[in-house]
């Protein structure tokens, strides 16, 4: 069962700095889990630190606005981060997941043509839109034409 999207607690003192783990409030379970998941994604994918943070919070069910607050960013910037992840790893890269699914074994794999052909039409549409906005992130074997 996936968690419903929710807004995180308002944080005005949270300045996100990719190199400053002191900015992470590890006493907040969601923030600790997001931080651990993001560092794993950063180490095992082509996602940059802030993109990995955005994906990790999205997987926890945070809305785009709540992710933006956590990262000290804007909703449009977070949307860009998530679109880049979707272009590379498919729509499920930005889906909310249950906490057990967020273990370190929850790898993201680059999109393949086989993946695209097996997705429902709305997944293909979301992925194709992300690829058209961020073609540099799409795997060479997967093209928007495969999603048509």
Protein backbone atom coordinates (compact mmCIF):
# COMPACT_ATOMS: atom_id res chain seq x y z
CA UNK A 1 0.00 0.00 0.00
CA UNK A 2 1.44 3.36 -0.96
CA UNK A 3 1.33 6.31 1.36
CA UNK A 4 -0.88 9.24 0.43
CA UNK A 5 0.85 12.42 -0.59
CA UNK A 6 1.10 14.92 2.23
CA UNK A 7 2.73 18.21 2.99
CA UNK A 8 5.73 17.98 5.27
CA UNK A 9 6.07 20.19 8.30
CA UNK A 10 6.88 23.75 7.33
CA UNK A 11 10.60 24.34 7.83
CA UNK A 12 12.00 27.82 7.51
CA UNK A 13 15.42 27.03 8.94
CA UNK A 14 16.29 24.20 6.53
CA UNK A 15 18.89 25.36 4.03
CA UNK A 16 19.78 22.39 1.86
CA UNK A 17 23.49 21.97 1.21
CA UNK A 18 24.50 18.77 -0.54
CA UNK A 19 27.77 18.60 1.38
CA UNK A 20 26.32 19.49 4.79
CA UNK A 21 24.74 16.49 6.49
CA UNK A 22 24.27 18.67 9.62
CA UNK A 23 21.33 20.26 7.75
CA UNK A 24 19.52 16.91 7.90
CA UNK A 25 17.38 16.52 11.00
CA UNK A 26 17.94 12.82 11.60
CA UNK A 27 15.46 12.85 14.49
CA UNK A 28 12.64 13.21 11.94
CA UNK A 29 12.01 9.67 10.63
CA UNK A 30 10.93 10.82 7.15
CA UNK A 31 13.94 13.08 6.79
CA UNK A 32 16.33 10.38 7.99
CA UNK A 33 14.82 7.83 5.60
CA UNK A 34 14.84 10.31 2.70
CA UNK A 35 18.47 11.20 3.40
CA UNK A 36 19.58 7.54 3.51
CA UNK A 37 17.57 6.66 0.40
CA UNK A 38 18.88 9.71 -1.50
CA UNK A 39 22.51 8.89 -0.71
CA UNK A 40 21.90 5.32 -1.92
CA UNK A 41 20.28 6.58 -5.15
CA UNK A 42 23.12 9.02 -5.66
CA UNK A 43 25.66 6.19 -5.33
CA UNK A 44 23.80 3.69 -7.55
CA UNK A 45 22.31 5.87 -10.30
CA UNK A 46 23.23 8.82 -12.46
CA UNK A 47 21.13 11.14 -10.27
CA UNK A 48 22.88 14.10 -8.73
CA UNK A 49 22.56 14.80 -5.00
CA UNK A 50 19.58 17.16 -5.19
CA UNK A 51 17.79 15.04 -7.80
CA UNK A 52 18.25 12.02 -5.53
CA UNK A 53 16.83 14.00 -2.61
CA UNK A 54 13.77 14.96 -4.68
CA UNK A 55 13.18 11.35 -5.75
CA UNK A 56 13.58 10.08 -2.19
CA UNK A 57 11.00 12.53 -0.84
CA UNK A 58 8.68 11.74 -3.75
CA UNK A 59 8.97 8.04 -2.94
CA UNK A 60 7.90 8.92 0.62
CA UNK A 61 4.75 10.50 -0.77
CA UNK A 62 5.69 14.15 -0.41
CA UNK A 63 4.01 16.58 -2.80
CA UNK A 64 6.11 18.70 -5.14
CA UNK A 65 5.51 21.74 -2.90
CA UNK A 66 6.56 19.81 0.22
CA UNK A 67 9.70 18.53 -1.52
CA UNK A 68 10.51 22.11 -2.54
CA UNK A 69 10.24 23.22 1.09
CA UNK A 70 12.48 20.38 2.24
CA UNK A 71 15.09 21.22 -0.39
CA UNK A 72 14.80 24.99 -0.08
CA UNK A 73 13.84 25.13 -3.73
CA UNK A 74 10.82 25.91 -5.91
CA UNK A 75 8.11 23.54 -7.09
CA UNK A 76 9.13 24.06 -10.72
CA UNK A 77 12.73 23.12 -9.94
CA UNK A 78 11.56 19.99 -8.12
CA UNK A 79 9.37 19.12 -11.12
CA UNK A 80 12.47 19.38 -13.31
CA UNK A 81 14.43 17.06 -10.98
CA UNK A 82 11.61 14.49 -11.02
CA UNK A 83 11.18 14.73 -14.80
CA UNK A 84 14.89 14.02 -15.26
CA UNK A 85 14.59 10.94 -13.06
CA UNK A 86 11.50 9.80 -14.97
CA UNK A 87 13.28 10.25 -18.32
CA UNK A 88 16.13 8.02 -17.13
CA UNK A 89 14.35 5.50 -14.88
CA UNK A 90 10.67 5.61 -15.85
CA UNK A 91 7.55 6.95 -14.11
CA UNK A 92 7.95 4.67 -11.11
CA UNK A 93 11.08 6.63 -10.15
CA UNK A 94 8.81 9.37 -8.78
CA UNK A 95 6.02 7.19 -7.35
CA UNK A 96 5.22 7.05 -3.67
CA UNK A 97 6.21 3.70 -2.16
CA UNK A 98 5.51 1.98 1.11
CA UNK A 99 8.33 2.18 3.64
CA UNK A 100 9.37 -1.49 3.22
CA UNK A 101 9.82 -0.85 -0.52
CA UNK A 102 12.36 1.89 0.28
CA UNK A 103 15.03 -0.46 1.51
CA UNK A 104 18.39 -0.20 -0.13
CA UNK A 105 17.43 -3.04 -2.45
CA UNK A 106 14.93 -0.71 -4.16
CA UNK A 107 17.13 -0.05 -7.15
CA UNK A 108 16.22 2.16 -10.09
CA UNK A 109 17.12 0.73 -13.48
CA UNK A 110 17.51 2.66 -16.72
CA UNK A 111 14.48 2.46 -18.98
CA UNK A 112 14.60 -0.16 -21.72
CA UNK A 113 12.45 -0.45 -24.82
CA UNK A 114 10.96 -3.59 -23.27
CA UNK A 115 9.91 -1.55 -20.21
CA UNK A 116 8.26 1.11 -22.36
CA UNK A 117 6.32 -1.43 -24.42
CA UNK A 118 5.03 -3.09 -21.24
CA UNK A 119 3.80 0.10 -19.57
CA UNK A 120 0.19 1.24 -19.66
CA UNK A 121 -0.49 4.16 -22.01
CA UNK A 122 -0.46 6.80 -19.27
CA UNK A 123 3.00 5.67 -18.09
CA UNK A 124 4.28 5.92 -21.67
CA UNK A 125 2.80 9.42 -21.97
CA UNK A 126 4.41 10.61 -18.73
CA UNK A 127 7.76 9.10 -19.70
CA UNK A 128 7.61 10.43 -23.29
CA UNK A 129 6.87 13.96 -22.02
CA UNK A 130 9.83 13.76 -19.60
CA UNK A 131 12.14 12.49 -22.36
CA UNK A 132 11.05 15.24 -24.73
CA UNK A 133 11.93 17.85 -22.06
CA UNK A 134 15.15 16.09 -20.98
CA UNK A 135 16.44 14.00 -23.92
CA UNK A 136 19.95 13.95 -22.46
CA UNK A 137 18.64 11.77 -19.63
CA UNK A 138 16.95 9.05 -21.70
CA UNK A 139 18.74 5.76 -22.23
CA UNK A 140 20.07 5.27 -25.75
CA UNK A 141 17.96 2.16 -26.29
CA UNK A 142 14.74 3.86 -25.24
CA UNK A 143 13.25 6.57 -27.42
CA UNK A 144 9.93 8.40 -27.23
CA UNK A 145 8.96 6.63 -30.45
CA UNK A 146 8.98 3.35 -28.51
CA UNK A 147 6.32 4.85 -26.27
CA UNK A 148 3.92 5.60 -29.12
